Amino acid sequence: MTKADLVEKVAERTGLTRTDVSVVVDSFLDTVKKTLEGGKNIEIRGFGTFKIKLRKSRKARNPRTGEVVPVPDRKVPVFKPSNEFKNMITKLPIDDVQVSE
């Protein structure tokens, strides 16, 4: 599902215009990004938590030359689904799931 698909679904369910829903979706996504950029987490009960995690430095290898390359510490955004959300997904029949590779 793309952002445009999401906007369309919400517009259908709420009766709002696609333009209004698009503004709300864009505002929500912008707020998530700005909040994480500020170093704060976002918890949406029943859905999950958006947060920043620190990945420790490590040594990697250049696959072409085999040379060891240091990879520095870095921060990455992560989403952790709530238990309620995870349980809902695990109960889905296997045939109903489209797995992306």
PDB file of N, CA and C in Angstrom:
ATOM      1  N   MET A   1       0.848  -1.168   0.000  1.00  0.00           N
ATOM      2  CA  MET A   1       0.000   0.000   0.000  1.00  0.00           C
ATOM      3  C   MET A   1       0.899   1.238   0.000  1.00  0.00           C
ATOM      4  N   THR A   2       0.604   2.151  -0.853  1.00  0.00           N
ATOM      5  CA  THR A   2       1.354   3.398  -0.934  1.00  0.00           C
ATOM      6  C   THR A   2       0.654   4.467  -0.096  1.00  0.00           C
ATOM      7  N   LYS A   3       1.308   5.616   0.047  1.00  0.00           N
ATOM      8  CA  LYS A   3       0.697   6.721   0.783  1.00  0.00           C
ATOM      9  C   LYS A   3      -0.592   7.157   0.083  1.00  0.00           C
ATOM     10  N   ALA A   4      -0.589   7.169  -1.242  1.00  0.00           N
ATOM     11  CA  ALA A   4      -1.790   7.538  -1.995  1.00  0.00           C
ATOM     12  C   ALA A   4      -2.928   6.554  -1.719  1.00  0.00           C
ATOM     13  N   ASP A   5      -2.619   5.259  -1.633  1.00  0.00           N
ATOM     14  CA  ASP A   5      -3.629   4.247  -1.307  1.00  0.00           C
ATOM     15  C   ASP A   5      -4.192   4.480   0.101  1.00  0.00           C
ATOM     16  N   LEU A   6      -3.306   4.797   1.032  1.00  0.00           N
ATOM     17  CA  LEU A   6      -3.720   5.065   2.403  1.00  0.00           C
ATOM     18  C   LEU A   6      -4.658   6.274   2.459  1.00  0.00           C
ATOM     19  N   VAL A   7      -4.284   7.327   1.760  1.00  0.00           N
ATOM     20  CA  VAL A   7      -5.125   8.530   1.699  1.00  0.00           C
ATOM     21  C   VAL A   7      -6.490   8.180   1.134  1.00  0.00           C
ATOM     22  N   GLU A   8      -6.526   7.404   0.089  1.00  0.00           N
ATOM     23  CA  GLU A   8      -7.789   7.010  -0.545  1.00  0.00           C
ATOM     24  C   GLU A   8      -8.667   6.222   0.427  1.00  0.00           C
ATOM     25  N   LYS A   9      -8.079   5.241   1.127  1.00  0.00           N
ATOM     26  CA  LYS A   9      -8.845   4.420   2.077  1.00  0.00           C
ATOM     27  C   LYS A   9      -9.432   5.268   3.200  1.00  0.00           C
ATOM     28  N   VAL A  10      -8.608   6.160   3.769  1.00  0.00           N
ATOM     29  CA  VAL A  10      -9.082   7.000   4.874  1.00  0.00           C
ATOM     30  C   VAL A  10     -10.171   7.953   4.382  1.00  0.00           C
ATOM     31  N   ALA A  11      -9.996   8.500   3.191  1.00  0.00           N
ATOM     32  CA  ALA A  11     -11.015   9.401   2.628  1.00  0.00           C
ATOM     33  C   ALA A  11     -12.341   8.664   2.451  1.00  0.00           C
ATOM     34  N   GLU A  12     -12.288   7.422   1.980  1.00  0.00           N
ATOM     35  CA  GLU A  12     -13.508   6.626   1.801  1.00  0.00           C
ATOM     36  C   GLU A  12     -14.197   6.373   3.140  1.00  0.00           C
ATOM     37  N   ARG A  13     -13.406   6.041   4.168  1.00  0.00           N
ATOM     38  CA  ARG A  13     -13.979   5.678   5.466  1.00  0.00           C
ATOM     39  C   ARG A  13     -14.496   6.877   6.240  1.00  0.00           C
ATOM     40  N   THR A  14     -13.900   8.051   6.030  1.00  0.00           N
ATOM     41  CA  THR A  14     -14.270   9.212   6.839  1.00  0.00           C
ATOM     42  C   THR A  14     -15.203  10.176   6.134  1.00  0.00           C
ATOM     43  N   GLY A  15     -15.252  10.107   4.806  1.00  0.00           N
ATOM     44  CA  GLY A  15     -16.057  11.062   4.058  1.00  0.00           C
ATOM     45  C   GLY A  15     -15.344  12.394   3.842  1.00  0.00           C
ATOM     46  N   LEU A  16     -14.102  12.497   4.310  1.00  0.00           N
ATOM     47  CA  LEU A  16     -13.312  13.704   4.075  1.00  0.00           C
ATOM     48  C   LEU A  16     -12.764  13.691   2.653  1.00  0.00           C
ATOM     49  N   THR A  17     -12.346  14.849   2.172  1.00  0.00           N
ATOM     50  CA  THR A  17     -11.764  14.894   0.832  1.00  0.00           C
ATOM     51  C   THR A  17     -10.355  14.301   0.859  1.00  0.00           C
ATOM     52  N   ARG A  18      -9.903  13.831  -0.292  1.00  0.00           N
ATOM     53  CA  ARG A  18      -8.542  13.296  -0.394  1.00  0.00           C
ATOM     54  C   ARG A  18      -7.521  14.367  -0.059  1.00  0.00           C
ATOM     55  N   THR A  19      -7.813  15.611  -0.412  1.00  0.00           N
ATOM     56  CA  THR A  19      -6.895  16.710  -0.118  1.00  0.00           C
ATOM     57  C   THR A  19      -6.741  16.894   1.387  1.00  0.00           C
ATOM     58  N   ASP A  20      -7.866  16.891   2.113  1.00  0.00           N
ATOM     59  CA  ASP A  20      -7.816  17.048   3.566  1.00  0.00           C
ATOM     60  C   ASP A  20      -7.082  15.879   4.227  1.00  0.00           C
ATOM     61  N   VAL A  21      -7.381  14.671   3.789  1.00  0.00           N
ATOM     62  CA  VAL A  21      -6.735  13.489   4.355  1.00  0.00           C
ATOM     63  C   VAL A  21      -5.238  13.513   4.041  1.00  0.00           C
ATOM     64  N   SER A  22      -4.883  13.942   2.853  1.00  0.00           N
ATOM     65  CA  SER A  22      -3.477  14.021   2.473  1.00  0.00           C
ATOM     66  C   SER A  22      -2.713  14.980   3.383  1.00  0.00           C
ATOM     67  N   VAL A  23      -3.334  16.104   3.721  1.00  0.00           N
ATOM     68  CA  VAL A  23      -2.705  17.069   4.630  1.00  0.00           C
ATOM     69  C   VAL A  23      -2.494  16.429   6.006  1.00  0.00           C
ATOM     70  N   VAL A  24      -3.493  15.686   6.489  1.00  0.00           N
ATOM     71  CA  VAL A  24      -3.392  15.034   7.791  1.00  0.00           C
ATOM     72  C   VAL A  24      -2.302  13.959   7.771  1.00  0.00           C
ATOM     73  N   VAL A  25      -2.271  13.128   6.750  1.00  0.00           N
ATOM     74  CA  VAL A  25      -1.261  12.071   6.653  1.00  0.00           C
ATOM     75  C   VAL A  25       0.142  12.684   6.570  1.00  0.00           C
ATOM     76  N   ASP A  26       0.312  13.695   5.734  1.00  0.00           N
ATOM     77  CA  ASP A  26       1.614  14.356   5.621  1.00  0.00           C
ATOM     78  C   ASP A  26       2.025  14.984   6.954  1.00  0.00           C
ATOM     79  N   SER A  27       1.070  15.595   7.654  1.00  0.00           N
ATOM     80  CA  SER A  27       1.357  16.212   8.955  1.00  0.00           C
ATOM     81  C   SER A  27       1.762  15.156   9.978  1.00  0.00           C
ATOM     82  N   PHE A  28       1.063  14.021   9.977  1.00  0.00           N
ATOM     83  CA  PHE A  28       1.407  12.936  10.893  1.00  0.00           C
ATOM     84  C   PHE A  28       2.828  12.437  10.629  1.00  0.00           C
ATOM     85  N   LEU A  29       3.135  12.153   9.379  1.00  0.00           N
ATOM     86  CA  LEU A  29       4.470  11.643   9.044  1.00  0.00           C
ATOM     87  C   LEU A  29       5.552  12.663   9.366  1.00  0.00           C
ATOM     88  N   ASP A  30       5.283  13.932   9.099  1.00  0.00           N
ATOM     89  CA  ASP A  30       6.248  14.989   9.409  1.00  0.00           C
ATOM     90  C   ASP A  30       6.464  15.089  10.918  1.00  0.00           C
ATOM     91  N   THR A  31       5.391  14.955  11.696  1.00  0.00           N
ATOM     92  CA  THR A  31       5.499  15.008  13.156  1.00  0.00           C
ATOM     93  C   THR A  31       6.315  13.841  13.680  1.00  0.00           C
ATOM     94  N   VAL A  32       6.112  12.642  13.120  1.00  0.00           N
ATOM     95  CA  VAL A  32       6.903  11.470  13.522  1.00  0.00           C
ATOM     96  C   VAL A  32       8.377  11.739  13.249  1.00  0.00           C
ATOM     97  N   LYS A  33       8.694  12.227  12.055  1.00  0.00           N
ATOM     98  CA  LYS A  33      10.102  12.490  11.702  1.00  0.00           C
ATOM     99  C   LYS A  33      10.719  13.546  12.606  1.00  0.00           C
ATOM    100  N   LYS A  34      10.007  14.654  12.825  1.00  0.00           N
ATOM    101  CA  LYS A  34      10.541  15.751  13.651  1.00  0.00           C
ATOM    102  C   LYS A  34      10.724  15.309  15.104  1.00  0.00           C
ATOM    103  N   THR A  35       9.786  14.515  15.623  1.00  0.00           N
ATOM    104  CA  THR A  35       9.883  14.044  16.999  1.00  0.00           C
ATOM    105  C   THR A  35      11.083  13.122  17.173  1.00  0.00           C
ATOM    106  N   LEU A  36      11.268  12.193  16.236  1.00  0.00           N
ATOM    107  CA  LEU A  36      12.424  11.301  16.304  1.00  0.00           C
ATOM    108  C   LEU A  36      13.721  12.082  16.129  1.00  0.00           C
ATOM    109  N   GLU A  37      13.703  13.070  15.249  1.00  0.00           N
ATOM    110  CA  GLU A  37      14.877  13.909  15.038  1.00  0.00           C
ATOM    111  C   GLU A  37      15.250  14.629  16.340  1.00  0.00           C
ATOM    112  N   GLY A  38      14.247  14.973  17.134  1.00  0.00           N
ATOM    113  CA  GLY A  38      14.471  15.623  18.420  1.00  0.00           C
ATOM    114  C   GLY A  38      14.877  14.661  19.527  1.00  0.00           C
ATOM    115  N   GLY A  39      14.998  13.372  19.206  1.00  0.00           N
ATOM    116  CA  GLY A  39      15.456  12.394  20.183  1.00  0.00           C
ATOM    117  C   GLY A  39      14.372  11.819  21.068  1.00  0.00           C
ATOM    118  N   LYS A  40      13.111  12.045  20.726  1.00  0.00           N
ATOM    119  CA  LYS A  40      12.004  11.526  21.535  1.00  0.00           C
ATOM    120  C   LYS A  40      11.322  10.359  20.824  1.00  0.00           C
ATOM    121  N   ASN A  41      10.717   9.474  21.626  1.00  0.00           N
ATOM    122  CA  ASN A  41       9.966   8.335  21.100  1.00  0.00           C
ATOM    123  C   ASN A  41       8.503   8.716  20.918  1.00  0.00           C
ATOM    124  N   ILE A  42       7.807   7.946  20.079  1.00  0.00           N
ATOM    125  CA  ILE A  42       6.367   8.121  19.901  1.00  0.00           C
ATOM    126  C   ILE A  42       5.707   6.775  20.178  1.00  0.00           C
ATOM    127  N   GLU A  43       4.811   6.760  21.150  1.00  0.00           N
ATOM    128  CA  GLU A  43       4.093   5.531  21.485  1.00  0.00           C
ATOM    129  C   GLU A  43       2.629   5.707  21.129  1.00  0.00           C
ATOM    130  N   ILE A  44       2.123   4.819  20.273  1.00  0.00           N
ATOM    131  CA  ILE A  44       0.717   4.808  19.913  1.00  0.00           C
ATOM    132  C   ILE A  44       0.154   3.490  20.458  1.00  0.00           C
ATOM    133  N   ARG A  45      -0.556   3.589  21.554  1.00  0.00           N
ATOM    134  CA  ARG A  45      -1.043   2.378  22.237  1.00  0.00           C
ATOM    135  C   ARG A  45      -1.914   1.534  21.298  1.00  0.00           C
ATOM    136  N   GLY A  46      -1.656   0.234  21.337  1.00  0.00           N
ATOM    137  CA  GLY A  46      -2.386  -0.690  20.487  1.00  0.00           C
ATOM    138  C   GLY A  46      -1.800  -0.800  19.087  1.00  0.00           C
ATOM    139  N   PHE A  47      -0.823   0.050  18.770  1.00  0.00           N
ATOM    140  CA  PHE A  47      -0.206   0.025  17.443  1.00  0.00           C
ATOM    141  C   PHE A  47       1.290  -0.248  17.544  1.00  0.00           C
ATOM    142  N   GLY A  48       2.022   0.627  18.237  1.00  0.00           N
ATOM    143  CA  GLY A  48       3.447   0.403  18.394  1.00  0.00           C
ATOM    144  C   GLY A  48       4.199   1.662  18.769  1.00  0.00           C
ATOM    145  N   THR A  49       5.529   1.553  18.751  1.00  0.00           N
ATOM    146  CA  THR A  49       6.400   2.638  19.153  1.00  0.00           C
ATOM    147  C   THR A  49       7.425   2.924  18.070  1.00  0.00           C
ATOM    148  N   PHE A  50       7.565   4.208  17.741  1.00  0.00           N
ATOM    149  CA  PHE A  50       8.629   4.660  16.860  1.00  0.00           C
ATOM    150  C   PHE A  50       9.728   5.193  17.763  1.00  0.00           C
ATOM    151  N   LYS A  51      10.980   4.751  17.541  1.00  0.00           N
ATOM    152  CA  LYS A  51      12.072   5.248  18.368  1.00  0.00           C
ATOM    153  C   LYS A  51      13.392   5.190  17.609  1.00  0.00           C
ATOM    154  N   ILE A  52      14.412   5.758  18.235  1.00  0.00           N
ATOM    155  CA  ILE A  52      15.761   5.752  17.674  1.00  0.00           C
ATOM    156  C   ILE A  52      16.590   4.746  18.460  1.00  0.00           C
ATOM    157  N   LYS A  53      17.336   3.912  17.757  1.00  0.00           N
ATOM    158  CA  LYS A  53      18.244   2.961  18.402  1.00  0.00           C
ATOM    159  C   LYS A  53      19.662   3.272  17.961  1.00  0.00           C
ATOM    160  N   LEU A  54      20.593   2.970  18.821  1.00  0.00           N
ATOM    161  CA  LEU A  54      22.004   3.160  18.503  1.00  0.00           C
ATOM    162  C   LEU A  54      22.582   1.830  18.043  1.00  0.00           C
ATOM    163  N   ARG A  55      23.123   1.812  16.851  1.00  0.00           N
ATOM    164  CA  ARG A  55      23.837   0.632  16.352  1.00  0.00           C
ATOM    165  C   ARG A  55      25.309   0.834  16.654  1.00  0.00           C
ATOM    166  N   LYS A  56      25.909  -0.116  17.329  1.00  0.00           N
ATOM    167  CA  LYS A  56      27.311   0.001  17.712  1.00  0.00           C
ATOM    168  C   LYS A  56      28.222  -0.142  16.504  1.00  0.00           C
ATOM    169  N   SER A  57      29.415   0.393  16.654  1.00  0.00           N
ATOM    170  CA  SER A  57      30.387   0.281  15.567  1.00  0.00           C
ATOM    171  C   SER A  57      30.760  -1.190  15.379  1.00  0.00           C
ATOM    172  N   ARG A  58      31.195  -1.495  14.186  1.00  0.00           N
ATOM    173  CA  ARG A  58      31.589  -2.875  13.876  1.00  0.00           C
ATOM    174  C   ARG A  58      32.577  -2.853  12.722  1.00  0.00           C
ATOM    175  N   LYS A  59      33.125  -4.003  12.447  1.00  0.00           N
ATOM    176  CA  LYS A  59      34.029  -4.141  11.308  1.00  0.00           C
ATOM    177  C   LYS A  59      33.306  -4.930  10.224  1.00  0.00           C
ATOM    178  N   ALA A  60      33.332  -4.409   9.015  1.00  0.00           N
ATOM    179  CA  ALA A  60      32.695  -5.076   7.881  1.00  0.00           C
ATOM    180  C   ALA A  60      33.781  -5.387   6.846  1.00  0.00           C
ATOM    181  N   ARG A  61      33.408  -6.105   5.820  1.00  0.00           N
ATOM    182  CA  ARG A  61      34.359  -6.425   4.752  1.00  0.00           C
ATOM    183  C   ARG A  61      33.836  -5.904   3.426  1.00  0.00           C
ATOM    184  N   ASN A  62      34.731  -5.337   2.656  1.00  0.00           N
ATOM    185  CA  ASN A  62      34.419  -4.954   1.291  1.00  0.00           C
ATOM    186  C   ASN A  62      34.347  -6.257   0.502  1.00  0.00           C
ATOM    187  N   PRO A  63      33.189  -6.598  -0.074  1.00  0.00           N
ATOM    188  CA  PRO A  63      33.059  -7.886  -0.762  1.00  0.00           C
ATOM    189  C   PRO A  63      33.950  -8.005  -2.002  1.00  0.00           C
ATOM    190  N   ARG A  64      34.286  -6.890  -2.591  1.00  0.00           N
ATOM    191  CA  ARG A  64      35.111  -6.915  -3.795  1.00  0.00           C
ATOM    192  C   ARG A  64      36.579  -7.179  -3.483  1.00  0.00           C
ATOM    193  N   THR A  65      37.097  -6.516  -2.424  1.00  0.00           N
ATOM    194  CA  THR A  65      38.532  -6.627  -2.126  1.00  0.00           C
ATOM    195  C   THR A  65      38.826  -7.472  -0.902  1.00  0.00           C
ATOM    196  N   GLY A  66      37.816  -7.705  -0.060  1.00  0.00           N
ATOM    197  CA  GLY A  66      38.029  -8.452   1.169  1.00  0.00           C
ATOM    198  C   GLY A  66      38.629  -7.591   2.279  1.00  0.00           C
ATOM    199  N   GLU A  67      38.858  -6.301   1.985  1.00  0.00           N
ATOM    200  CA  GLU A  67      39.452  -5.387   2.951  1.00  0.00           C
ATOM    201  C   GLU A  67      38.483  -5.131   4.110  1.00  0.00           C
ATOM    202  N   VAL A  68      39.027  -5.085   5.337  1.00  0.00           N
ATOM    203  CA  VAL A  68      38.216  -4.784   6.513  1.00  0.00           C
ATOM    204  C   VAL A  68      37.941  -3.284   6.542  1.00  0.00           C
ATOM    205  N   VAL A  69      36.665  -2.941   6.721  1.00  0.00           N
ATOM    206  CA  VAL A  69      36.249  -1.544   6.724  1.00  0.00           C
ATOM    207  C   VAL A  69      35.532  -1.262   8.050  1.00  0.00           C
ATOM    208  N   PRO A  70      35.974  -0.238   8.802  1.00  0.00           N
ATOM    209  CA  PRO A  70      35.265   0.079  10.052  1.00  0.00           C
ATOM    210  C   PRO A  70      33.937   0.794   9.749  1.00  0.00           C
ATOM    211  N   VAL A  71      32.886   0.366  10.436  1.00  0.00           N
ATOM    212  CA  VAL A  71      31.577   1.021  10.315  1.00  0.00           C
ATOM    213  C   VAL A  71      31.327   1.708  11.655  1.00  0.00           C
ATOM    214  N   PRO A  72      31.190   3.032  11.669  1.00  0.00           N
ATOM    215  CA  PRO A  72      31.042   3.758  12.943  1.00  0.00           C
ATOM    216  C   PRO A  72      29.668   3.555  13.589  1.00  0.00           C
ATOM    217  N   ASP A  73      29.570   3.968  14.860  1.00  0.00           N
ATOM    218  CA  ASP A  73      28.266   3.990  15.544  1.00  0.00           C
ATOM    219  C   ASP A  73      27.296   4.812  14.704  1.00  0.00           C
ATOM    220  N   ARG A  74      26.025   4.440  14.761  1.00  0.00           N
ATOM    221  CA  ARG A  74      25.029   5.244  14.054  1.00  0.00           C
ATOM    222  C   ARG A  74      23.670   5.055  14.699  1.00  0.00           C
ATOM    223  N   LYS A  75      22.848   6.054  14.523  1.00  0.00           N
ATOM    224  CA  LYS A  75      21.480   6.002  15.022  1.00  0.00           C
ATOM    225  C   LYS A  75      20.567   5.609  13.875  1.00  0.00           C
ATOM    226  N   VAL A  76      19.589   4.739  14.171  1.00  0.00           N
ATOM    227  CA  VAL A  76      18.642   4.308  13.147  1.00  0.00           C
ATOM    228  C   VAL A  76      17.219   4.382  13.699  1.00  0.00           C
ATOM    229  N   PRO A  77      16.262   4.809  12.867  1.00  0.00           N
ATOM    230  CA  PRO A  77      14.867   4.799  13.319  1.00  0.00           C
ATOM    231  C   PRO A  77      14.326   3.372  13.265  1.00  0.00           C
ATOM    232  N   VAL A  78      13.545   3.004  14.270  1.00  0.00           N
ATOM    233  CA  VAL A  78      12.941   1.674  14.298  1.00  0.00           C
ATOM    234  C   VAL A  78      11.474   1.787  14.703  1.00  0.00           C
ATOM    235  N   PHE A  79      10.700   0.797  14.297  1.00  0.00           N
ATOM    236  CA  PHE A  79       9.306   0.689  14.722  1.00  0.00           C
ATOM    237  C   PHE A  79       9.153  -0.639  15.431  1.00  0.00           C
ATOM    238  N   LYS A  80       8.611  -0.604  16.637  1.00  0.00           N
ATOM    239  CA  LYS A  80       8.356  -1.828  17.397  1.00  0.00           C
ATOM    240  C   LYS A  80       6.848  -1.955  17.556  1.00  0.00           C
ATOM    241  N   PRO A  81       6.240  -2.966  16.930  1.00  0.00           N
ATOM    242  CA  PRO A  81       4.781  -3.118  17.050  1.00  0.00           C
ATOM    243  C   PRO A  81       4.378  -3.518  18.466  1.00  0.00           C
ATOM    244  N   SER A  82       3.181  -3.103  18.861  1.00  0.00           N
ATOM    245  CA  SER A  82       2.662  -3.477  20.179  1.00  0.00           C
ATOM    246  C   SER A  82       2.327  -4.962  20.189  1.00  0.00           C
ATOM    247  N   ASN A  83       2.211  -5.530  21.372  1.00  0.00           N
ATOM    248  CA  ASN A  83       1.845  -6.949  21.483  1.00  0.00           C
ATOM    249  C   ASN A  83       0.486  -7.211  20.844  1.00  0.00           C
ATOM    250  N   GLU A  84      -0.444  -6.299  21.034  1.00  0.00           N
ATOM    251  CA  GLU A  84      -1.778  -6.432  20.462  1.00  0.00           C
ATOM    252  C   GLU A  84      -1.687  -6.517  18.924  1.00  0.00           C
ATOM    253  N   PHE A  85      -0.880  -5.641  18.329  1.00  0.00           N
ATOM    254  CA  PHE A  85      -0.695  -5.617  16.877  1.00  0.00           C
ATOM    255  C   PHE A  85      -0.006  -6.898  16.399  1.00  0.00           C
ATOM    256  N   LYS A  86       1.054  -7.312  17.111  1.00  0.00           N
ATOM    257  CA  LYS A  86       1.769  -8.543  16.740  1.00  0.00           C
ATOM    258  C   LYS A  86       0.849  -9.754  16.791  1.00  0.00           C
ATOM    259  N   ASN A  87       0.044  -9.841  17.851  1.00  0.00           N
ATOM    260  CA  ASN A  87      -0.874 -10.974  17.987  1.00  0.00           C
ATOM    261  C   ASN A  87      -1.901 -10.996  16.869  1.00  0.00           C
ATOM    262  N   MET A  88      -2.386  -9.830  16.469  1.00  0.00           N
ATOM    263  CA  MET A  88      -3.347  -9.740  15.379  1.00  0.00           C
ATOM    264  C   MET A  88      -2.728 -10.293  14.082  1.00  0.00           C
ATOM    265  N   ILE A  89      -1.483  -9.920  13.835  1.00  0.00           N
ATOM    266  CA  ILE A  89      -0.796 -10.354  12.612  1.00  0.00           C
ATOM    267  C   ILE A  89      -0.490 -11.852  12.643  1.00  0.00           C
ATOM    268  N   THR A  90      -0.064 -12.368  13.788  1.00  0.00           N
ATOM    269  CA  THR A  90       0.281 -13.789  13.859  1.00  0.00           C
ATOM    270  C   THR A  90      -0.931 -14.694  13.697  1.00  0.00           C
ATOM    271  N   LYS A  91      -2.139 -14.159  13.944  1.00  0.00           N
ATOM    272  CA  LYS A  91      -3.350 -14.957  13.793  1.00  0.00           C
ATOM    273  C   LYS A  91      -3.857 -15.013  12.356  1.00  0.00           C
ATOM    274  N   LEU A  92      -3.257 -14.207  11.462  1.00  0.00           N
ATOM    275  CA  LEU A  92      -3.693 -14.216  10.057  1.00  0.00           C
ATOM    276  C   LEU A  92      -3.391 -15.559   9.410  1.00  0.00           C
ATOM    277  N   PRO A  93      -4.306 -16.075   8.598  1.00  0.00           N
ATOM    278  CA  PRO A  93      -3.994 -17.288   7.840  1.00  0.00           C
ATOM    279  C   PRO A  93      -2.845 -17.000   6.866  1.00  0.00           C
ATOM    280  N   ILE A  94      -1.985 -17.959   6.673  1.00  0.00           N
ATOM    281  CA  ILE A  94      -0.808 -17.794   5.822  1.00  0.00           C
ATOM    282  C   ILE A  94      -1.197 -17.372   4.400  1.00  0.00           C
ATOM    283  N   ASP A  95      -2.308 -17.882   3.888  1.00  0.00           N
ATOM    284  CA  ASP A  95      -2.725 -17.584   2.514  1.00  0.00           C
ATOM    285  C   ASP A  95      -3.118 -16.124   2.337  1.00  0.00           C
ATOM    286  N   ASP A  96      -3.467 -15.425   3.443  1.00  0.00           N
ATOM    287  CA  ASP A  96      -3.913 -14.025   3.356  1.00  0.00           C
ATOM    288  C   ASP A  96      -2.774 -13.015   3.358  1.00  0.00           C
ATOM    289  N   VAL A  97      -1.541 -13.487   3.528  1.00  0.00           N
ATOM    290  CA  VAL A  97      -0.410 -12.580   3.702  1.00  0.00           C
ATOM    291  C   VAL A  97       0.375 -12.441   2.413  1.00  0.00           C
ATOM    292  N   GLN A  98       0.621 -11.177   2.015  1.00  0.00           N
ATOM    293  CA  GLN A  98       1.495 -10.909   0.878  1.00  0.00           C
ATOM    294  C   GLN A  98       2.871 -10.584   1.441  1.00  0.00           C
ATOM    295  N   VAL A  99       3.822 -11.478   1.219  1.00  0.00           N
ATOM    296  CA  VAL A  99       5.165 -11.294   1.764  1.00  0.00           C
ATOM    297  C   VAL A  99       6.000 -10.533   0.756  1.00  0.00           C
ATOM    298  N   SER A 100       6.613  -9.430   1.219  1.00  0.00           N
ATOM    299  CA  SER A 100       7.508  -8.681   0.318  1.00  0.00           C
ATOM    300  C   SER A 100       8.931  -9.173   0.551  1.00  0.00           C
ATOM    301  N   GLU A 101       9.677  -9.279  -0.500  1.00  0.00           N
ATOM    302  CA  GLU A 101      11.031  -9.822  -0.429  1.00  0.00           C
ATOM    303  C   GLU A 101      12.039  -8.728  -0.356  1.00  0.00           C
TER     304      GLU A 101
END
